[in-house]
Amino acid sequence: MELLVAISAFVAVDMCGGKPSPVQIRELATEVAEAEDWSSATPQEVEAFLSTILTGRSLSGVLPAGSAVVLAFVVAASLLSSRPKSEGEWWFNYLDKVEAAIEAAG
């Protein structure tokens, strides 16, 4: 769960070119919810998830435990797959870069 949260936060910051504003978080949340409509994650849930993890707070008390776990997988996967990539770059190559950055940050 911690790794999924770290990945989601890193990719959100990377996609926005820095810490996302509340408006950018809302836009990302809407995009994720629409792209992953099979998951039934709502834009409000995704926004709560992103807002919470980007401030370093615990998801406990913000979202039910089951929702938080599902959102961790859905949001991380959606952000990884939707992030603009260089020609020929695959999401899993970007994931390697994300993981290296997370490990370096310690």
PDB file of N, CA and C in Angstrom:
ATOM      1  N   MET A   1       0.832  -1.185   0.000  1.00  0.00           N
ATOM      2  CA  MET A   1       0.000   0.000   0.000  1.00  0.00           C
ATOM      3  C   MET A   1       0.883   1.257   0.000  1.00  0.00           C
ATOM      4  N   GLU A   2       1.945   1.229   0.817  1.00  0.00           N
ATOM      5  CA  GLU A   2       2.836   2.390   0.876  1.00  0.00           C
ATOM      6  C   GLU A   2       3.491   2.661  -0.478  1.00  0.00           C
ATOM      7  N   LEU A   3       3.869   1.599  -1.168  1.00  0.00           N
ATOM      8  CA  LEU A   3       4.491   1.771  -2.483  1.00  0.00           C
ATOM      9  C   LEU A   3       3.500   2.356  -3.483  1.00  0.00           C
ATOM     10  N   LEU A   4       2.268   1.877  -3.470  1.00  0.00           N
ATOM     11  CA  LEU A   4       1.247   2.410  -4.375  1.00  0.00           C
ATOM     12  C   LEU A   4       0.985   3.886  -4.104  1.00  0.00           C
ATOM     13  N   VAL A   5       0.929   4.257  -2.837  1.00  0.00           N
ATOM     14  CA  VAL A   5       0.719   5.659  -2.470  1.00  0.00           C
ATOM     15  C   VAL A   5       1.899   6.505  -2.949  1.00  0.00           C
ATOM     16  N   ALA A   6       3.117   6.011  -2.732  1.00  0.00           N
ATOM     17  CA  ALA A   6       4.305   6.749  -3.166  1.00  0.00           C
ATOM     18  C   ALA A   6       4.338   6.910  -4.685  1.00  0.00           C
ATOM     19  N   ILE A   7       3.982   5.860  -5.399  1.00  0.00           N
ATOM     20  CA  ILE A   7       3.940   5.929  -6.863  1.00  0.00           C
ATOM     21  C   ILE A   7       2.904   6.945  -7.315  1.00  0.00           C
ATOM     22  N   SER A   8       1.707   6.872  -6.741  1.00  0.00           N
ATOM     23  CA  SER A   8       0.642   7.807  -7.124  1.00  0.00           C
ATOM     24  C   SER A   8       1.057   9.248  -6.875  1.00  0.00           C
ATOM     25  N   ALA A   9       1.648   9.508  -5.716  1.00  0.00           N
ATOM     26  CA  ALA A   9       2.066  10.871  -5.384  1.00  0.00           C
ATOM     27  C   ALA A   9       3.159  11.346  -6.334  1.00  0.00           C
ATOM     28  N   PHE A  10       4.157  10.498  -6.573  1.00  0.00           N
ATOM     29  CA  PHE A  10       5.261  10.882  -7.453  1.00  0.00           C
ATOM     30  C   PHE A  10       4.761  11.195  -8.857  1.00  0.00           C
ATOM     31  N   VAL A  11       3.935  10.317  -9.410  1.00  0.00           N
ATOM     32  CA  VAL A  11       3.459  10.522 -10.784  1.00  0.00           C
ATOM     33  C   VAL A  11       2.562  11.751 -10.872  1.00  0.00           C
ATOM     34  N   ALA A  12       1.716  11.977  -9.884  1.00  0.00           N
ATOM     35  CA  ALA A  12       0.854  13.171  -9.889  1.00  0.00           C
ATOM     36  C   ALA A  12       1.706  14.440  -9.892  1.00  0.00           C
ATOM     37  N   VAL A  13       2.740  14.461  -9.051  1.00  0.00           N
ATOM     38  CA  VAL A  13       3.637  15.624  -8.998  1.00  0.00           C
ATOM     39  C   VAL A  13       4.371  15.775 -10.327  1.00  0.00           C
ATOM     40  N   ASP A  14       4.835  14.675 -10.885  1.00  0.00           N
ATOM     41  CA  ASP A  14       5.547  14.708 -12.162  1.00  0.00           C
ATOM     42  C   ASP A  14       4.642  15.205 -13.284  1.00  0.00           C
ATOM     43  N   MET A  15       3.423  14.714 -13.317  1.00  0.00           N
ATOM     44  CA  MET A  15       2.490  15.105 -14.380  1.00  0.00           C
ATOM     45  C   MET A  15       2.146  16.590 -14.311  1.00  0.00           C
ATOM     46  N   CYS A  16       2.108  17.128 -13.104  1.00  0.00           N
ATOM     47  CA  CYS A  16       1.718  18.531 -12.913  1.00  0.00           C
ATOM     48  C   CYS A  16       2.921  19.467 -12.884  1.00  0.00           C
ATOM     49  N   GLY A  17       4.121  18.917 -12.970  1.00  0.00           N
ATOM     50  CA  GLY A  17       5.311  19.755 -12.961  1.00  0.00           C
ATOM     51  C   GLY A  17       5.610  20.355 -11.602  1.00  0.00           C
ATOM     52  N   GLY A  18       5.146  19.719 -10.568  1.00  0.00           N
ATOM     53  CA  GLY A  18       5.318  20.186  -9.190  1.00  0.00           C
ATOM     54  C   GLY A  18       4.098  19.780  -8.399  1.00  0.00           C
ATOM     55  N   LYS A  19       4.075  20.187  -7.126  1.00  0.00           N
ATOM     56  CA  LYS A  19       2.925  19.814  -6.298  1.00  0.00           C
ATOM     57  C   LYS A  19       1.639  20.353  -6.931  1.00  0.00           C
ATOM     58  N   PRO A  20       0.686  19.450  -7.196  1.00  0.00           N
ATOM     59  CA  PRO A  20      -0.551  19.872  -7.854  1.00  0.00           C
ATOM     60  C   PRO A  20      -1.386  20.819  -6.984  1.00  0.00           C
ATOM     61  N   SER A  21      -1.999  21.777  -7.636  1.00  0.00           N
ATOM     62  CA  SER A  21      -2.932  22.678  -6.963  1.00  0.00           C
ATOM     63  C   SER A  21      -4.239  21.929  -6.742  1.00  0.00           C
ATOM     64  N   PRO A  22      -5.127  22.447  -5.902  1.00  0.00           N
ATOM     65  CA  PRO A  22      -6.436  21.803  -5.733  1.00  0.00           C
ATOM     66  C   PRO A  22      -7.190  21.640  -7.057  1.00  0.00           C
ATOM     67  N   VAL A  23      -7.056  22.608  -7.947  1.00  0.00           N
ATOM     68  CA  VAL A  23      -7.724  22.512  -9.251  1.00  0.00           C
ATOM     69  C   VAL A  23      -7.115  21.386 -10.075  1.00  0.00           C
ATOM     70  N   GLN A  24      -5.789  21.275 -10.072  1.00  0.00           N
ATOM     71  CA  GLN A  24      -5.128  20.198 -10.809  1.00  0.00           C
ATOM     72  C   GLN A  24      -5.484  18.832 -10.228  1.00  0.00           C
ATOM     73  N   ILE A  25      -5.582  18.746  -8.901  1.00  0.00           N
ATOM     74  CA  ILE A  25      -5.978  17.486  -8.269  1.00  0.00           C
ATOM     75  C   ILE A  25      -7.384  17.112  -8.704  1.00  0.00           C
ATOM     76  N   ARG A  26      -8.290  18.065  -8.721  1.00  0.00           N
ATOM     77  CA  ARG A  26      -9.667  17.809  -9.143  1.00  0.00           C
ATOM     78  C   ARG A  26      -9.701  17.333 -10.596  1.00  0.00           C
ATOM     79  N   GLU A  27      -8.904  17.968 -11.458  1.00  0.00           N
ATOM     80  CA  GLU A  27      -8.860  17.566 -12.868  1.00  0.00           C
ATOM     81  C   GLU A  27      -8.295  16.149 -13.019  1.00  0.00           C
ATOM     82  N   LEU A  28      -7.204  15.861 -12.304  1.00  0.00           N
ATOM     83  CA  LEU A  28      -6.637  14.501 -12.342  1.00  0.00           C
ATOM     84  C   LEU A  28      -7.658  13.481 -11.855  1.00  0.00           C
ATOM     85  N   ALA A  29      -8.341  13.816 -10.768  1.00  0.00           N
ATOM     86  CA  ALA A  29      -9.335  12.907 -10.196  1.00  0.00           C
ATOM     87  C   ALA A  29     -10.445  12.610 -11.198  1.00  0.00           C
ATOM     88  N   THR A  30     -10.894  13.625 -11.889  1.00  0.00           N
ATOM     89  CA  THR A  30     -11.949  13.434 -12.892  1.00  0.00           C
ATOM     90  C   THR A  30     -11.445  12.555 -14.028  1.00  0.00           C
ATOM     91  N   GLU A  31     -10.212  12.826 -14.478  1.00  0.00           N
ATOM     92  CA  GLU A  31      -9.637  12.024 -15.565  1.00  0.00           C
ATOM     93  C   GLU A  31      -9.489  10.561 -15.150  1.00  0.00           C
ATOM     94  N   VAL A  32      -9.000  10.328 -13.936  1.00  0.00           N
ATOM     95  CA  VAL A  32      -8.818   8.946 -13.459  1.00  0.00           C
ATOM     96  C   VAL A  32     -10.170   8.250 -13.351  1.00  0.00           C
ATOM     97  N   ALA A  33     -11.146   8.909 -12.738  1.00  0.00           N
ATOM     98  CA  ALA A  33     -12.466   8.291 -12.561  1.00  0.00           C
ATOM     99  C   ALA A  33     -13.110   7.961 -13.910  1.00  0.00           C
ATOM    100  N   GLU A  34     -12.959   8.854 -14.880  1.00  0.00           N
ATOM    101  CA  GLU A  34     -13.530   8.606 -16.209  1.00  0.00           C
ATOM    102  C   GLU A  34     -12.786   7.481 -16.924  1.00  0.00           C
ATOM    103  N   ALA A  35     -11.467   7.480 -16.829  1.00  0.00           N
ATOM    104  CA  ALA A  35     -10.674   6.449 -17.507  1.00  0.00           C
ATOM    105  C   ALA A  35     -10.889   5.076 -16.883  1.00  0.00           C
ATOM    106  N   GLU A  36     -11.162   5.064 -15.596  1.00  0.00           N
ATOM    107  CA  GLU A  36     -11.308   3.793 -14.870  1.00  0.00           C
ATOM    108  C   GLU A  36     -12.749   3.597 -14.398  1.00  0.00           C
ATOM    109  N   ASP A  37     -13.707   3.966 -15.242  1.00  0.00           N
ATOM    110  CA  ASP A  37     -15.117   3.872 -14.840  1.00  0.00           C
ATOM    111  C   ASP A  37     -15.556   2.452 -14.513  1.00  0.00           C
ATOM    112  N   TRP A  38     -14.824   1.469 -14.983  1.00  0.00           N
ATOM    113  CA  TRP A  38     -15.111   0.068 -14.639  1.00  0.00           C
ATOM    114  C   TRP A  38     -14.967  -0.164 -13.132  1.00  0.00           C
ATOM    115  N   SER A  39     -14.150   0.667 -12.482  1.00  0.00           N
ATOM    116  CA  SER A  39     -13.848   0.451 -11.065  1.00  0.00           C
ATOM    117  C   SER A  39     -14.887   1.060 -10.135  1.00  0.00           C
ATOM    118  N   SER A  40     -15.743   1.871 -10.639  1.00  0.00           N
ATOM    119  CA  SER A  40     -16.756   2.619  -9.881  1.00  0.00           C
ATOM    120  C   SER A  40     -16.160   3.615  -8.893  1.00  0.00           C
ATOM    121  N   ALA A  41     -14.875   3.956  -9.047  1.00  0.00           N
ATOM    122  CA  ALA A  41     -14.274   5.027  -8.246  1.00  0.00           C
ATOM    123  C   ALA A  41     -14.849   6.351  -8.731  1.00  0.00           C
ATOM    124  N   THR A  42     -15.321   7.144  -7.799  1.00  0.00           N
ATOM    125  CA  THR A  42     -15.902   8.437  -8.164  1.00  0.00           C
ATOM    126  C   THR A  42     -14.818   9.511  -8.185  1.00  0.00           C
ATOM    127  N   PRO A  43     -15.064  10.595  -8.928  1.00  0.00           N
ATOM    128  CA  PRO A  43     -14.093  11.692  -8.912  1.00  0.00           C
ATOM    129  C   PRO A  43     -13.849  12.222  -7.491  1.00  0.00           C
ATOM    130  N   GLN A  44     -14.872  12.240  -6.674  1.00  0.00           N
ATOM    131  CA  GLN A  44     -14.729  12.732  -5.296  1.00  0.00           C
ATOM    132  C   GLN A  44     -13.830  11.817  -4.468  1.00  0.00           C
ATOM    133  N   GLU A  45     -13.974  10.513  -4.651  1.00  0.00           N
ATOM    134  CA  GLU A  45     -13.119   9.566  -3.921  1.00  0.00           C
ATOM    135  C   GLU A  45     -11.663   9.685  -4.368  1.00  0.00           C
ATOM    136  N   VAL A  46     -11.462   9.779  -5.677  1.00  0.00           N
ATOM    137  CA  VAL A  46     -10.108   9.902  -6.204  1.00  0.00           C
ATOM    138  C   VAL A  46      -9.492  11.219  -5.738  1.00  0.00           C
ATOM    139  N   GLU A  47     -10.275  12.282  -5.747  1.00  0.00           N
ATOM    140  CA  GLU A  47      -9.784  13.578  -5.272  1.00  0.00           C
ATOM    141  C   GLU A  47      -9.396  13.508  -3.798  1.00  0.00           C
ATOM    142  N   ALA A  48     -10.232  12.868  -2.980  1.00  0.00           N
ATOM    143  CA  ALA A  48      -9.915  12.721  -1.553  1.00  0.00           C
ATOM    144  C   ALA A  48      -8.634  11.908  -1.378  1.00  0.00           C
ATOM    145  N   PHE A  49      -8.495  10.842  -2.150  1.00  0.00           N
ATOM    146  CA  PHE A  49      -7.296  10.006  -2.091  1.00  0.00           C
ATOM    147  C   PHE A  49      -6.061  10.829  -2.440  1.00  0.00           C
ATOM    148  N   LEU A  50      -6.096  11.505  -3.592  1.00  0.00           N
ATOM    149  CA  LEU A  50      -4.944  12.283  -4.036  1.00  0.00           C
ATOM    150  C   LEU A  50      -4.623  13.430  -3.082  1.00  0.00           C
ATOM    151  N   SER A  51      -5.631  14.163  -2.671  1.00  0.00           N
ATOM    152  CA  SER A  51      -5.407  15.293  -1.760  1.00  0.00           C
ATOM    153  C   SER A  51      -4.750  14.832  -0.473  1.00  0.00           C
ATOM    154  N   THR A  52      -5.196  13.700   0.025  1.00  0.00           N
ATOM    155  CA  THR A  52      -4.663  13.178   1.286  1.00  0.00           C
ATOM    156  C   THR A  52      -3.223  12.717   1.137  1.00  0.00           C
ATOM    157  N   ILE A  53      -2.944  11.936   0.116  1.00  0.00           N
ATOM    158  CA  ILE A  53      -1.578  11.414  -0.018  1.00  0.00           C
ATOM    159  C   ILE A  53      -0.591  12.514  -0.382  1.00  0.00           C
ATOM    160  N   LEU A  54      -1.038  13.526  -1.112  1.00  0.00           N
ATOM    161  CA  LEU A  54      -0.130  14.597  -1.513  1.00  0.00           C
ATOM    162  C   LEU A  54       0.220  15.525  -0.355  1.00  0.00           C
ATOM    163  N   THR A  55      -0.537  15.450   0.719  1.00  0.00           N
ATOM    164  CA  THR A  55      -0.202  16.235   1.916  1.00  0.00           C
ATOM    165  C   THR A  55       0.502  15.368   2.945  1.00  0.00           C
ATOM    166  N   GLY A  56       0.704  14.088   2.613  1.00  0.00           N
ATOM    167  CA  GLY A  56       1.410  13.189   3.513  1.00  0.00           C
ATOM    168  C   GLY A  56       0.589  12.697   4.688  1.00  0.00           C
ATOM    169  N   ARG A  57      -0.712  12.920   4.628  1.00  0.00           N
ATOM    170  CA  ARG A  57      -1.576  12.460   5.719  1.00  0.00           C
ATOM    171  C   ARG A  57      -1.963  11.007   5.503  1.00  0.00           C
ATOM    172  N   SER A  58      -2.446  10.392   6.559  1.00  0.00           N
ATOM    173  CA  SER A  58      -2.915   9.014   6.510  1.00  0.00           C
ATOM    174  C   SER A  58      -4.300   8.959   5.872  1.00  0.00           C
ATOM    175  N   LEU A  59      -4.533   7.909   5.119  1.00  0.00           N
ATOM    176  CA  LEU A  59      -5.853   7.711   4.509  1.00  0.00           C
ATOM    177  C   LEU A  59      -6.883   7.251   5.526  1.00  0.00           C
ATOM    178  N   SER A  60      -6.407   6.785   6.655  1.00  0.00           N
ATOM    179  CA  SER A  60      -7.296   6.329   7.723  1.00  0.00           C
ATOM    180  C   SER A  60      -8.187   7.481   8.177  1.00  0.00           C
ATOM    181  N   GLY A  61      -9.463   7.244   8.199  1.00  0.00           N
ATOM    182  CA  GLY A  61     -10.413   8.274   8.602  1.00  0.00           C
ATOM    183  C   GLY A  61     -10.887   9.154   7.460  1.00  0.00           C
ATOM    184  N   VAL A  62     -10.180   9.101   6.329  1.00  0.00           N
ATOM    185  CA  VAL A  62     -10.578   9.888   5.163  1.00  0.00           C
ATOM    186  C   VAL A  62     -11.454   9.047   4.241  1.00  0.00           C
ATOM    187  N   LEU A  63     -11.039   7.799   4.044  1.00  0.00           N
ATOM    188  CA  LEU A  63     -11.760   6.855   3.190  1.00  0.00           C
ATOM    189  C   LEU A  63     -11.881   5.531   3.935  1.00  0.00           C
ATOM    190  N   PRO A  64     -12.964   4.798   3.686  1.00  0.00           N
ATOM    191  CA  PRO A  64     -13.049   3.455   4.275  1.00  0.00           C
ATOM    192  C   PRO A  64     -11.855   2.617   3.805  1.00  0.00           C
ATOM    193  N   ALA A  65     -11.371   1.732   4.669  1.00  0.00           N
ATOM    194  CA  ALA A  65     -10.168   0.945   4.372  1.00  0.00           C
ATOM    195  C   ALA A  65     -10.271   0.221   3.029  1.00  0.00           C
ATOM    196  N   GLY A  66     -11.402  -0.414   2.756  1.00  0.00           N
ATOM    197  CA  GLY A  66     -11.574  -1.132   1.491  1.00  0.00           C
ATOM    198  C   GLY A  66     -11.478  -0.207   0.290  1.00  0.00           C
ATOM    199  N   SER A  67     -12.064   0.961   0.389  1.00  0.00           N
ATOM    200  CA  SER A  67     -12.002   1.939  -0.706  1.00  0.00           C
ATOM    201  C   SER A  67     -10.583   2.437  -0.912  1.00  0.00           C
ATOM    202  N   ALA A  68      -9.885   2.690   0.183  1.00  0.00           N
ATOM    203  CA  ALA A  68      -8.513   3.189   0.086  1.00  0.00           C
ATOM    204  C   ALA A  68      -7.616   2.186  -0.634  1.00  0.00           C
ATOM    205  N   VAL A  69      -7.787   0.919  -0.334  1.00  0.00           N
ATOM    206  CA  VAL A  69      -6.966  -0.116  -0.970  1.00  0.00           C
ATOM    207  C   VAL A  69      -7.265  -0.179  -2.465  1.00  0.00           C
ATOM    208  N   VAL A  70      -8.533  -0.212  -2.819  1.00  0.00           N
ATOM    209  CA  VAL A  70      -8.910  -0.261  -4.237  1.00  0.00           C
ATOM    210  C   VAL A  70      -8.403   0.987  -4.954  1.00  0.00           C
ATOM    211  N   LEU A  71      -8.600   2.155  -4.343  1.00  0.00           N
ATOM    212  CA  LEU A  71      -8.153   3.399  -4.963  1.00  0.00           C
ATOM    213  C   LEU A  71      -6.638   3.426  -5.138  1.00  0.00           C
ATOM    214  N   ALA A  72      -5.895   2.868  -4.202  1.00  0.00           N
ATOM    215  CA  ALA A  72      -4.439   2.847  -4.327  1.00  0.00           C
ATOM    216  C   ALA A  72      -4.018   2.134  -5.611  1.00  0.00           C
ATOM    217  N   PHE A  73      -4.632   1.010  -5.896  1.00  0.00           N
ATOM    218  CA  PHE A  73      -4.313   0.263  -7.117  1.00  0.00           C
ATOM    219  C   PHE A  73      -4.810   0.988  -8.359  1.00  0.00           C
ATOM    220  N   VAL A  74      -6.063   1.437  -8.324  1.00  0.00           N
ATOM    221  CA  VAL A  74      -6.680   2.075  -9.495  1.00  0.00           C
ATOM    222  C   VAL A  74      -5.950   3.364  -9.856  1.00  0.00           C
ATOM    223  N   VAL A  75      -5.688   4.213  -8.869  1.00  0.00           N
ATOM    224  CA  VAL A  75      -5.056   5.504  -9.143  1.00  0.00           C
ATOM    225  C   VAL A  75      -3.623   5.318  -9.626  1.00  0.00           C
ATOM    226  N   ALA A  76      -2.850   4.482  -8.956  1.00  0.00           N
ATOM    227  CA  ALA A  76      -1.461   4.274  -9.385  1.00  0.00           C
ATOM    228  C   ALA A  76      -1.412   3.745 -10.817  1.00  0.00           C
ATOM    229  N   ALA A  77      -2.221   2.754 -11.111  1.00  0.00           N
ATOM    230  CA  ALA A  77      -2.220   2.171 -12.457  1.00  0.00           C
ATOM    231  C   ALA A  77      -2.674   3.180 -13.505  1.00  0.00           C
ATOM    232  N   SER A  78      -3.716   3.923 -13.184  1.00  0.00           N
ATOM    233  CA  SER A  78      -4.246   4.888 -14.140  1.00  0.00           C
ATOM    234  C   SER A  78      -3.241   6.002 -14.425  1.00  0.00           C
ATOM    235  N   LEU A  79      -2.627   6.531 -13.377  1.00  0.00           N
ATOM    236  CA  LEU A  79      -1.656   7.604 -13.573  1.00  0.00           C
ATOM    237  C   LEU A  79      -0.445   7.102 -14.356  1.00  0.00           C
ATOM    238  N   LEU A  80       0.029   5.907 -14.034  1.00  0.00           N
ATOM    239  CA  LEU A  80       1.178   5.355 -14.764  1.00  0.00           C
ATOM    240  C   LEU A  80       0.856   5.175 -16.247  1.00  0.00           C
ATOM    241  N   SER A  81      -0.331   4.678 -16.531  1.00  0.00           N
ATOM    242  CA  SER A  81      -0.660   4.383 -17.923  1.00  0.00           C
ATOM    243  C   SER A  81      -1.045   5.626 -18.723  1.00  0.00           C
ATOM    244  N   SER A  82      -1.510   6.665 -18.051  1.00  0.00           N
ATOM    245  CA  SER A  82      -1.984   7.841 -18.782  1.00  0.00           C
ATOM    246  C   SER A  82      -0.946   8.955 -18.873  1.00  0.00           C
ATOM    247  N   ARG A  83       0.123   8.856 -18.106  1.00  0.00           N
ATOM    248  CA  ARG A  83       1.151   9.893 -18.143  1.00  0.00           C
ATOM    249  C   ARG A  83       1.750   9.967 -19.536  1.00  0.00           C
ATOM    250  N   PRO A  84       1.857  11.180 -20.081  1.00  0.00           N
ATOM    251  CA  PRO A  84       2.489  11.298 -21.403  1.00  0.00           C
ATOM    252  C   PRO A  84       3.912  10.744 -21.360  1.00  0.00           C
ATOM    253  N   LYS A  85       4.231   9.950 -22.347  1.00  0.00           N
ATOM    254  CA  LYS A  85       5.532   9.308 -22.413  1.00  0.00           C
ATOM    255  C   LYS A  85       6.231   9.662 -23.728  1.00  0.00           C
ATOM    256  N   SER A  86       7.544   9.588 -23.685  1.00  0.00           N
ATOM    257  CA  SER A  86       8.325   9.808 -24.900  1.00  0.00           C
ATOM    258  C   SER A  86       7.991   8.718 -25.916  1.00  0.00           C
ATOM    259  N   GLU A  87       8.246   9.010 -27.162  1.00  0.00           N
ATOM    260  CA  GLU A  87       8.012   8.042 -28.231  1.00  0.00           C
ATOM    261  C   GLU A  87       8.729   6.732 -27.907  1.00  0.00           C
ATOM    262  N   GLY A  88       7.994   5.655 -27.905  1.00  0.00           N
ATOM    263  CA  GLY A  88       8.561   4.339 -27.664  1.00  0.00           C
ATOM    264  C   GLY A  88       8.737   3.971 -26.199  1.00  0.00           C
ATOM    265  N   GLU A  89       8.442   4.901 -25.282  1.00  0.00           N
ATOM    266  CA  GLU A  89       8.580   4.590 -23.860  1.00  0.00           C
ATOM    267  C   GLU A  89       7.309   3.895 -23.371  1.00  0.00           C
ATOM    268  N   TRP A  90       7.480   2.859 -22.591  1.00  0.00           N
ATOM    269  CA  TRP A  90       6.356   2.119 -22.037  1.00  0.00           C
ATOM    270  C   TRP A  90       6.162   2.504 -20.580  1.00  0.00           C
ATOM    271  N   TRP A  91       4.960   2.312 -20.062  1.00  0.00           N
ATOM    272  CA  TRP A  91       4.657   2.685 -18.681  1.00  0.00           C
ATOM    273  C   TRP A  91       5.564   1.969 -17.690  1.00  0.00           C
ATOM    274  N   PHE A  92       5.936   0.715 -17.977  1.00  0.00           N
ATOM    275  CA  PHE A  92       6.761  -0.023 -17.026  1.00  0.00           C
ATOM    276  C   PHE A  92       8.196   0.497 -16.996  1.00  0.00           C
ATOM    277  N   ASN A  93       8.670   1.100 -18.099  1.00  0.00           N
ATOM    278  CA  ASN A  93       9.981   1.750 -18.077  1.00  0.00           C
ATOM    279  C   ASN A  93       9.926   2.993 -17.191  1.00  0.00           C
ATOM    280  N   TYR A  94       8.829   3.722 -17.294  1.00  0.00           N
ATOM    281  CA  TYR A  94       8.636   4.890 -16.435  1.00  0.00           C
ATOM    282  C   TYR A  94       8.523   4.445 -14.977  1.00  0.00           C
ATOM    283  N   LEU A  95       7.863   3.337 -14.730  1.00  0.00           N
ATOM    284  CA  LEU A  95       7.736   2.823 -13.364  1.00  0.00           C
ATOM    285  C   LEU A  95       9.112   2.549 -12.766  1.00  0.00           C
ATOM    286  N   ASP A  96      10.031   2.032 -13.559  1.00  0.00           N
ATOM    287  CA  ASP A  96      11.392   1.818 -13.073  1.00  0.00           C
ATOM    288  C   ASP A  96      12.018   3.133 -12.620  1.00  0.00           C
ATOM    289  N   LYS A  97      11.799   4.204 -13.377  1.00  0.00           N
ATOM    290  CA  LYS A  97      12.327   5.521 -13.009  1.00  0.00           C
ATOM    291  C   LYS A  97      11.688   6.029 -11.716  1.00  0.00           C
ATOM    292  N   VAL A  98      10.383   5.806 -11.598  1.00  0.00           N
ATOM    293  CA  VAL A  98       9.652   6.234 -10.401  1.00  0.00           C
ATOM    294  C   VAL A  98      10.185   5.508  -9.188  1.00  0.00           C
ATOM    295  N   GLU A  99      10.326   4.200  -9.293  1.00  0.00           N
ATOM    296  CA  GLU A  99      10.839   3.405  -8.181  1.00  0.00           C
ATOM    297  C   GLU A  99      12.249   3.828  -7.779  1.00  0.00           C
ATOM    298  N   ALA A 100      13.091   4.123  -8.766  1.00  0.00           N
ATOM    299  CA  ALA A 100      14.457   4.576  -8.470  1.00  0.00           C
ATOM    300  C   ALA A 100      14.425   5.903  -7.716  1.00  0.00           C
ATOM    301  N   ALA A 101      13.549   6.797  -8.125  1.00  0.00           N
ATOM    302  CA  ALA A 101      13.432   8.098  -7.461  1.00  0.00           C
ATOM    303  C   ALA A 101      12.904   7.938  -6.030  1.00  0.00           C
ATOM    304  N   ILE A 102      11.951   7.044  -5.832  1.00  0.00           N
ATOM    305  CA  ILE A 102      11.403   6.796  -4.493  1.00  0.00           C
ATOM    306  C   ILE A 102      12.493   6.219  -3.590  1.00  0.00           C
ATOM    307  N   GLU A 103      13.249   5.272  -4.115  1.00  0.00           N
ATOM    308  CA  GLU A 103      14.341   4.669  -3.329  1.00  0.00           C
ATOM    309  C   GLU A 103      15.409   5.712  -2.995  1.00  0.00           C
ATOM    310  N   ALA A 104      15.720   6.575  -3.948  1.00  0.00           N
ATOM    311  CA  ALA A 104      16.743   7.607  -3.708  1.00  0.00           C
ATOM    312  C   ALA A 104      16.273   8.605  -2.641  1.00  0.00           C
ATOM    313  N   ALA A 105      14.963   8.873  -2.623  1.00  0.00           N
ATOM    314  CA  ALA A 105      14.409   9.823  -1.647  1.00  0.00           C
ATOM    315  C   ALA A 105      14.394   9.224  -0.256  1.00  0.00           C
ATOM    316  N   GLY A 106      14.443   7.897  -0.210  1.00  0.00           N
ATOM    317  CA  GLY A 106      14.621   7.159   1.006  1.00  0.00           C
ATOM    318  C   GLY A 106      13.533   7.028   1.938  1.00  0.00           C
TER     319      GLY A 106
END
